[in-house]
Amino acid sequence: MVVPRMDHQGERPRWDCNVCGEAWPCSPAREHLVGAMNPTELRTLMWGLLEKAARELPPVSAPELFERFLHWTPQIREASR
């Protein structure tokens, strides 16, 4: 999977944006990622990053991590039967 280049990157281990200082993925990063990747690739990427963030961030609840890393991604639609 090729991850698109973008200005707004998450600074680890805090996972804050290196440009705007917001919690990453910030709004500009989300917008860029949605436009640059198909939903399946994006969700796969963000799940992997969620797992890394869960190990590096101070204790954060699973619902908070889900909201931050996955909830905003486009839904993957099932193929028509």
PDB file of N, CA and C in Angstrom:
ATOM      1  N   MET A   1       0.845  -1.169   0.000  1.00  0.00           N
ATOM      2  CA  MET A   1       0.000   0.000   0.000  1.00  0.00           C
ATOM      3  C   MET A   1       0.897   1.241   0.000  1.00  0.00           C
ATOM      4  N   VAL A   2       0.595   2.162  -0.880  1.00  0.00           N
ATOM      5  CA  VAL A   2       1.352   3.409  -0.966  1.00  0.00           C
ATOM      6  C   VAL A   2       0.606   4.473  -0.167  1.00  0.00           C
ATOM      7  N   VAL A   3       1.293   5.057   0.788  1.00  0.00           N
ATOM      8  CA  VAL A   3       0.707   6.115   1.607  1.00  0.00           C
ATOM      9  C   VAL A   3       0.992   7.446   0.933  1.00  0.00           C
ATOM     10  N   PRO A   4      -0.053   8.250   0.660  1.00  0.00           N
ATOM     11  CA  PRO A   4       0.166   9.522  -0.026  1.00  0.00           C
ATOM     12  C   PRO A   4       0.972  10.504   0.824  1.00  0.00           C
ATOM     13  N   ARG A   5       1.794  11.291   0.146  1.00  0.00           N
ATOM     14  CA  ARG A   5       2.547  12.345   0.839  1.00  0.00           C
ATOM     15  C   ARG A   5       1.608  13.487   1.159  1.00  0.00           C
ATOM     16  N   MET A   6       1.816  14.081   2.308  1.00  0.00           N
ATOM     17  CA  MET A   6       1.013  15.240   2.691  1.00  0.00           C
ATOM     18  C   MET A   6       1.773  16.066   3.711  1.00  0.00           C
ATOM     19  N   ASP A   7       1.382  17.332   3.807  1.00  0.00           N
ATOM     20  CA  ASP A   7       2.045  18.236   4.744  1.00  0.00           C
ATOM     21  C   ASP A   7       1.700  17.907   6.195  1.00  0.00           C
ATOM     22  N   HIS A   8       0.448  17.625   6.454  1.00  0.00           N
ATOM     23  CA  HIS A   8      -0.024  17.399   7.825  1.00  0.00           C
ATOM     24  C   HIS A   8       0.262  15.958   8.228  1.00  0.00           C
ATOM     25  N   GLN A   9       1.337  15.759   8.975  1.00  0.00           N
ATOM     26  CA  GLN A   9       1.767  14.436   9.430  1.00  0.00           C
ATOM     27  C   GLN A   9       1.645  14.351  10.951  1.00  0.00           C
ATOM     28  N   GLY A  10       1.421  13.155  11.436  1.00  0.00           N
ATOM     29  CA  GLY A  10       1.364  12.937  12.882  1.00  0.00           C
ATOM     30  C   GLY A  10       2.764  12.836  13.459  1.00  0.00           C
ATOM     31  N   GLU A  11       3.042  13.647  14.465  1.00  0.00           N
ATOM     32  CA  GLU A  11       4.332  13.599  15.164  1.00  0.00           C
ATOM     33  C   GLU A  11       4.223  12.582  16.285  1.00  0.00           C
ATOM     34  N   ARG A  12       4.992  11.535  16.183  1.00  0.00           N
ATOM     35  CA  ARG A  12       4.974  10.488  17.200  1.00  0.00           C
ATOM     36  C   ARG A  12       6.021  10.791  18.259  1.00  0.00           C
ATOM     37  N   PRO A  13       5.798  10.449  19.476  1.00  0.00           N
ATOM     38  CA  PRO A  13       4.742   9.599  20.008  1.00  0.00           C
ATOM     39  C   PRO A  13       3.499  10.352  20.478  1.00  0.00           C
ATOM     40  N   ARG A  14       3.444  11.677  20.318  1.00  0.00           N
ATOM     41  CA  ARG A  14       2.282  12.445  20.788  1.00  0.00           C
ATOM     42  C   ARG A  14       1.092  12.333  19.846  1.00  0.00           C
ATOM     43  N   TRP A  15       1.340  12.053  18.565  1.00  0.00           N
ATOM     44  CA  TRP A  15       0.300  11.950  17.546  1.00  0.00           C
ATOM     45  C   TRP A  15      -0.443  13.269  17.365  1.00  0.00           C
ATOM     46  N   ASP A  16       0.306  14.373  17.420  1.00  0.00           N
ATOM     47  CA  ASP A  16      -0.236  15.686  17.082  1.00  0.00           C
ATOM     48  C   ASP A  16       0.285  16.060  15.707  1.00  0.00           C
ATOM     49  N   CYS A  17      -0.474  16.884  14.979  1.00  0.00           N
ATOM     50  CA  CYS A  17      -0.077  17.298  13.633  1.00  0.00           C
ATOM     51  C   CYS A  17       1.155  18.193  13.694  1.00  0.00           C
ATOM     52  N   ASN A  18       2.092  17.937  12.781  1.00  0.00           N
ATOM     53  CA  ASN A  18       3.325  18.728  12.744  1.00  0.00           C
ATOM     54  C   ASN A  18       3.111  20.118  12.170  1.00  0.00           C
ATOM     55  N   VAL A  19       1.953  20.393  11.558  1.00  0.00           N
ATOM     56  CA  VAL A  19       1.685  21.705  10.968  1.00  0.00           C
ATOM     57  C   VAL A  19       0.746  22.525  11.850  1.00  0.00           C
ATOM     58  N   CYS A  20      -0.421  21.970  12.179  1.00  0.00           N
ATOM     59  CA  CYS A  20      -1.433  22.755  12.896  1.00  0.00           C
ATOM     60  C   CYS A  20      -1.506  22.449  14.393  1.00  0.00           C
ATOM     61  N   GLY A  21      -0.837  21.391  14.849  1.00  0.00           N
ATOM     62  CA  GLY A  21      -0.806  21.057  16.268  1.00  0.00           C
ATOM     63  C   GLY A  21      -2.039  20.339  16.784  1.00  0.00           C
ATOM     64  N   GLU A  22      -3.030  20.104  15.925  1.00  0.00           N
ATOM     65  CA  GLU A  22      -4.238  19.389  16.339  1.00  0.00           C
ATOM     66  C   GLU A  22      -3.941  17.904  16.493  1.00  0.00           C
ATOM     67  N   ALA A  23      -4.836  17.202  17.160  1.00  0.00           N
ATOM     68  CA  ALA A  23      -4.714  15.748  17.258  1.00  0.00           C
ATOM     69  C   ALA A  23      -4.753  15.176  15.844  1.00  0.00           C
ATOM     70  N   TRP A  24      -3.778  14.319  15.542  1.00  0.00           N
ATOM     71  CA  TRP A  24      -3.713  13.741  14.197  1.00  0.00           C
ATOM     72  C   TRP A  24      -4.492  12.441  14.160  1.00  0.00           C
ATOM     73  N   PRO A  25      -5.235  12.169  13.105  1.00  0.00           N
ATOM     74  CA  PRO A  25      -5.319  12.922  11.869  1.00  0.00           C
ATOM     75  C   PRO A  25      -6.227  14.147  12.005  1.00  0.00           C
ATOM     76  N   CYS A  26      -5.660  15.304  11.721  1.00  0.00           N
ATOM     77  CA  CYS A  26      -6.388  16.565  11.767  1.00  0.00           C
ATOM     78  C   CYS A  26      -7.312  16.658  10.546  1.00  0.00           C
ATOM     79  N   SER A  27      -8.145  17.678  10.501  1.00  0.00           N
ATOM     80  CA  SER A  27      -9.087  17.830   9.384  1.00  0.00           C
ATOM     81  C   SER A  27      -8.394  17.882   8.026  1.00  0.00           C
ATOM     82  N   PRO A  28      -7.314  18.674   7.857  1.00  0.00           N
ATOM     83  CA  PRO A  28      -6.646  18.671   6.550  1.00  0.00           C
ATOM     84  C   PRO A  28      -6.074  17.304   6.174  1.00  0.00           C
ATOM     85  N   ALA A  29      -5.538  16.567   7.134  1.00  0.00           N
ATOM     86  CA  ALA A  29      -4.999  15.233   6.848  1.00  0.00           C
ATOM     87  C   ALA A  29      -6.128  14.286   6.454  1.00  0.00           C
ATOM     88  N   ARG A  30      -7.234  14.341   7.159  1.00  0.00           N
ATOM     89  CA  ARG A  30      -8.379  13.480   6.833  1.00  0.00           C
ATOM     90  C   ARG A  30      -8.873  13.765   5.418  1.00  0.00           C
ATOM     91  N   GLU A  31      -9.033  15.033   5.113  1.00  0.00           N
ATOM     92  CA  GLU A  31      -9.510  15.428   3.780  1.00  0.00           C
ATOM     93  C   GLU A  31      -8.566  14.915   2.693  1.00  0.00           C
ATOM     94  N   HIS A  32      -7.288  15.078   2.907  1.00  0.00           N
ATOM     95  CA  HIS A  32      -6.296  14.622   1.929  1.00  0.00           C
ATOM     96  C   HIS A  32      -6.343  13.103   1.775  1.00  0.00           C
ATOM     97  N   LEU A  33      -6.380  12.386   2.870  1.00  0.00           N
ATOM     98  CA  LEU A  33      -6.384  10.926   2.825  1.00  0.00           C
ATOM     99  C   LEU A  33      -7.634  10.383   2.133  1.00  0.00           C
ATOM    100  N   VAL A  34      -8.795  10.954   2.424  1.00  0.00           N
ATOM    101  CA  VAL A  34     -10.036  10.503   1.789  1.00  0.00           C
ATOM    102  C   VAL A  34      -9.969  10.712   0.279  1.00  0.00           C
ATOM    103  N   GLY A  35      -9.373  11.824  -0.154  1.00  0.00           N
ATOM    104  CA  GLY A  35      -9.271  12.102  -1.581  1.00  0.00           C
ATOM    105  C   GLY A  35      -8.210  11.293  -2.295  1.00  0.00           C
ATOM    106  N   ALA A  36      -7.229  10.797  -1.559  1.00  0.00           N
ATOM    107  CA  ALA A  36      -6.083  10.135  -2.188  1.00  0.00           C
ATOM    108  C   ALA A  36      -6.132   8.611  -2.141  1.00  0.00           C
ATOM    109  N   MET A  37      -6.994   8.041  -1.312  1.00  0.00           N
ATOM    110  CA  MET A  37      -6.988   6.582  -1.130  1.00  0.00           C
ATOM    111  C   MET A  37      -8.392   6.014  -1.285  1.00  0.00           C
ATOM    112  N   ASN A  38      -8.461   4.749  -1.707  1.00  0.00           N
ATOM    113  CA  ASN A  38      -9.778   4.111  -1.739  1.00  0.00           C
ATOM    114  C   ASN A  38     -10.141   3.717  -0.304  1.00  0.00           C
ATOM    115  N   PRO A  39     -11.440   3.551  -0.020  1.00  0.00           N
ATOM    116  CA  PRO A  39     -11.871   3.306   1.359  1.00  0.00           C
ATOM    117  C   PRO A  39     -11.226   2.095   2.033  1.00  0.00           C
ATOM    118  N   THR A  40     -11.044   1.014   1.301  1.00  0.00           N
ATOM    119  CA  THR A  40     -10.457  -0.184   1.907  1.00  0.00           C
ATOM    120  C   THR A  40      -9.014   0.062   2.316  1.00  0.00           C
ATOM    121  N   GLU A  41      -8.234   0.670   1.426  1.00  0.00           N
ATOM    122  CA  GLU A  41      -6.836   0.974   1.753  1.00  0.00           C
ATOM    123  C   GLU A  41      -6.753   1.951   2.912  1.00  0.00           C
ATOM    124  N   LEU A  42      -7.620   2.954   2.896  1.00  0.00           N
ATOM    125  CA  LEU A  42      -7.598   3.970   3.950  1.00  0.00           C
ATOM    126  C   LEU A  42      -7.925   3.351   5.306  1.00  0.00           C
ATOM    127  N   ARG A  43      -8.947   2.533   5.365  1.00  0.00           N
ATOM    128  CA  ARG A  43      -9.301   1.899   6.645  1.00  0.00           C
ATOM    129  C   ARG A  43      -8.201   0.970   7.133  1.00  0.00           C
ATOM    130  N   THR A  44      -7.579   0.249   6.203  1.00  0.00           N
ATOM    131  CA  THR A  44      -6.479  -0.644   6.578  1.00  0.00           C
ATOM    132  C   THR A  44      -5.316   0.159   7.149  1.00  0.00           C
ATOM    133  N   LEU A  45      -4.960   1.246   6.471  1.00  0.00           N
ATOM    134  CA  LEU A  45      -3.886   2.121   6.942  1.00  0.00           C
ATOM    135  C   LEU A  45      -4.216   2.683   8.321  1.00  0.00           C
ATOM    136  N   MET A  46      -5.416   3.227   8.470  1.00  0.00           N
ATOM    137  CA  MET A  46      -5.775   3.877   9.722  1.00  0.00           C
ATOM    138  C   MET A  46      -5.887   2.878  10.870  1.00  0.00           C
ATOM    139  N   TRP A  47      -6.294   1.635  10.585  1.00  0.00           N
ATOM    140  CA  TRP A  47      -6.329   0.618  11.643  1.00  0.00           C
ATOM    141  C   TRP A  47      -4.913   0.346  12.151  1.00  0.00           C
ATOM    142  N   GLY A  48      -3.964   0.230  11.230  1.00  0.00           N
ATOM    143  CA  GLY A  48      -2.575   0.005  11.633  1.00  0.00           C
ATOM    144  C   GLY A  48      -2.035   1.166  12.453  1.00  0.00           C
ATOM    145  N   LEU A  49      -2.383   2.394  12.061  1.00  0.00           N
ATOM    146  CA  LEU A  49      -1.923   3.567  12.806  1.00  0.00           C
ATOM    147  C   LEU A  49      -2.609   3.653  14.168  1.00  0.00           C
ATOM    148  N   LEU A  50      -3.875   3.250  14.233  1.00  0.00           N
ATOM    149  CA  LEU A  50      -4.583   3.207  15.516  1.00  0.00           C
ATOM    150  C   LEU A  50      -3.854   2.273  16.477  1.00  0.00           C
ATOM    151  N   GLU A  51      -3.430   1.119  15.989  1.00  0.00           N
ATOM    152  CA  GLU A  51      -2.715   0.174  16.847  1.00  0.00           C
ATOM    153  C   GLU A  51      -1.398   0.762  17.357  1.00  0.00           C
ATOM    154  N   LYS A  52      -0.668   1.466  16.491  1.00  0.00           N
ATOM    155  CA  LYS A  52       0.582   2.108  16.924  1.00  0.00           C
ATOM    156  C   LYS A  52       0.291   3.186  17.965  1.00  0.00           C
ATOM    157  N   ALA A  53      -0.721   4.009  17.694  1.00  0.00           N
ATOM    158  CA  ALA A  53      -1.067   5.090  18.619  1.00  0.00           C
ATOM    159  C   ALA A  53      -1.504   4.533  19.970  1.00  0.00           C
ATOM    160  N   ALA A  54      -2.222   3.422  19.964  1.00  0.00           N
ATOM    161  CA  ALA A  54      -2.675   2.819  21.224  1.00  0.00           C
ATOM    162  C   ALA A  54      -1.495   2.427  22.101  1.00  0.00           C
ATOM    163  N   ARG A  55      -0.387   2.046  21.481  1.00  0.00           N
ATOM    164  CA  ARG A  55       0.807   1.675  22.252  1.00  0.00           C
ATOM    165  C   ARG A  55       1.596   2.904  22.707  1.00  0.00           C
ATOM    166  N   GLU A  56       1.520   3.999  21.950  1.00  0.00           N
ATOM    167  CA  GLU A  56       2.379   5.158  22.221  1.00  0.00           C
ATOM    168  C   GLU A  56       1.714   6.265  23.029  1.00  0.00           C
ATOM    169  N   LEU A  57       0.412   6.437  22.879  1.00  0.00           N
ATOM    170  CA  LEU A  57      -0.282   7.504  23.592  1.00  0.00           C
ATOM    171  C   LEU A  57      -0.489   7.119  25.051  1.00  0.00           C
ATOM    172  N   PRO A  58      -0.667   8.133  25.917  1.00  0.00           N
ATOM    173  CA  PRO A  58      -1.080   7.810  27.285  1.00  0.00           C
ATOM    174  C   PRO A  58      -2.402   7.044  27.197  1.00  0.00           C
ATOM    175  N   PRO A  59      -2.815   6.388  28.273  1.00  0.00           N
ATOM    176  CA  PRO A  59      -4.048   5.596  28.199  1.00  0.00           C
ATOM    177  C   PRO A  59      -5.219   6.376  27.584  1.00  0.00           C
ATOM    178  N   VAL A  60      -5.751   5.802  26.514  1.00  0.00           N
ATOM    179  CA  VAL A  60      -6.896   6.373  25.800  1.00  0.00           C
ATOM    180  C   VAL A  60      -7.897   5.239  25.614  1.00  0.00           C
ATOM    181  N   SER A  61      -9.174   5.545  25.759  1.00  0.00           N
ATOM    182  CA  SER A  61     -10.184   4.489  25.627  1.00  0.00           C
ATOM    183  C   SER A  61     -10.308   4.035  24.174  1.00  0.00           C
ATOM    184  N   ALA A  62     -10.749   2.811  24.002  1.00  0.00           N
ATOM    185  CA  ALA A  62     -10.951   2.266  22.655  1.00  0.00           C
ATOM    186  C   ALA A  62     -11.939   3.108  21.849  1.00  0.00           C
ATOM    187  N   PRO A  63     -13.070   3.559  22.435  1.00  0.00           N
ATOM    188  CA  PRO A  63     -13.981   4.406  21.660  1.00  0.00           C
ATOM    189  C   PRO A  63     -13.331   5.719  21.195  1.00  0.00           C
ATOM    190  N   GLU A  64     -12.479   6.301  22.029  1.00  0.00           N
ATOM    191  CA  GLU A  64     -11.787   7.531  21.631  1.00  0.00           C
ATOM    192  C   GLU A  64     -10.844   7.274  20.459  1.00  0.00           C
ATOM    193  N   LEU A  65     -10.111   6.181  20.515  1.00  0.00           N
ATOM    194  CA  LEU A  65      -9.213   5.839  19.413  1.00  0.00           C
ATOM    195  C   LEU A  65      -9.998   5.554  18.140  1.00  0.00           C
ATOM    196  N   PHE A  66     -11.107   4.832  18.261  1.00  0.00           N
ATOM    197  CA  PHE A  66     -11.937   4.549  17.091  1.00  0.00           C
ATOM    198  C   PHE A  66     -12.433   5.847  16.462  1.00  0.00           C
ATOM    199  N   GLU A  67     -12.927   6.755  17.277  1.00  0.00           N
ATOM    200  CA  GLU A  67     -13.434   8.043  16.785  1.00  0.00           C
ATOM    201  C   GLU A  67     -12.334   8.816  16.063  1.00  0.00           C
ATOM    202  N   ARG A  68     -11.179   8.833  16.627  1.00  0.00           N
ATOM    203  CA  ARG A  68     -10.057   9.606  16.076  1.00  0.00           C
ATOM    204  C   ARG A  68      -9.493   9.008  14.794  1.00  0.00           C
ATOM    205  N   PHE A  69      -9.350   7.692  14.735  1.00  0.00           N
ATOM    206  CA  PHE A  69      -8.648   7.072  13.616  1.00  0.00           C
ATOM    207  C   PHE A  69      -9.545   6.416  12.574  1.00  0.00           C
ATOM    208  N   LEU A  70     -10.755   6.022  12.913  1.00  0.00           N
ATOM    209  CA  LEU A  70     -11.560   5.259  11.953  1.00  0.00           C
ATOM    210  C   LEU A  70     -12.945   5.818  11.665  1.00  0.00           C
ATOM    211  N   HIS A  71     -13.593   6.401  12.631  1.00  0.00           N
ATOM    212  CA  HIS A  71     -14.991   6.801  12.464  1.00  0.00           C
ATOM    213  C   HIS A  71     -15.215   7.708  11.261  1.00  0.00           C
ATOM    214  N   TRP A  72     -14.298   8.565  10.950  1.00  0.00           N
ATOM    215  CA  TRP A  72     -14.437   9.544   9.867  1.00  0.00           C
ATOM    216  C   TRP A  72     -14.165   8.963   8.481  1.00  0.00           C
ATOM    217  N   THR A  73     -13.617   7.765   8.391  1.00  0.00           N
ATOM    218  CA  THR A  73     -13.278   7.195   7.085  1.00  0.00           C
ATOM    219  C   THR A  73     -14.547   6.750   6.363  1.00  0.00           C
ATOM    220  N   PRO A  74     -14.536   6.794   5.022  1.00  0.00           N
ATOM    221  CA  PRO A  74     -15.723   6.367   4.269  1.00  0.00           C
ATOM    222  C   PRO A  74     -16.039   4.901   4.541  1.00  0.00           C
ATOM    223  N   GLN A  75     -17.317   4.599   4.560  1.00  0.00           N
ATOM    224  CA  GLN A  75     -17.721   3.211   4.768  1.00  0.00           C
ATOM    225  C   GLN A  75     -17.360   2.384   3.544  1.00  0.00           C
ATOM    226  N   ILE A  76     -17.045   1.136   3.789  1.00  0.00           N
ATOM    227  CA  ILE A  76     -16.762   0.205   2.708  1.00  0.00           C
ATOM    228  C   ILE A  76     -18.076  -0.485   2.378  1.00  0.00           C
ATOM    229  N   ARG A  77     -18.518  -0.295   1.165  1.00  0.00           N
ATOM    230  CA  ARG A  77     -19.803  -0.866   0.756  1.00  0.00           C
ATOM    231  C   ARG A  77     -19.602  -2.281   0.231  1.00  0.00           C
ATOM    232  N   GLU A  78     -20.533  -3.149   0.595  1.00  0.00           N
ATOM    233  CA  GLU A  78     -20.478  -4.522   0.096  1.00  0.00           C
ATOM    234  C   GLU A  78     -20.837  -4.526  -1.385  1.00  0.00           C
ATOM    235  N   ALA A  79     -20.234  -5.430  -2.119  1.00  0.00           N
ATOM    236  CA  ALA A  79     -20.554  -5.569  -3.538  1.00  0.00           C
ATOM    237  C   ALA A  79     -22.004  -6.006  -3.686  1.00  0.00           C
ATOM    238  N   SER A  80     -22.639  -5.556  -4.738  1.00  0.00           N
ATOM    239  CA  SER A  80     -24.028  -5.953  -5.006  1.00  0.00           C
ATOM    240  C   SER A  80     -24.110  -7.456  -5.190  1.00  0.00           C
ATOM    241  N   ARG A  81     -25.157  -8.033  -4.676  1.00  0.00           N
ATOM    242  CA  ARG A  81     -25.322  -9.491  -4.808  1.00  0.00           C
ATOM    243  C   ARG A  81     -26.098  -9.822  -6.036  1.00  0.00           C
TER     244      ARG A  81
END
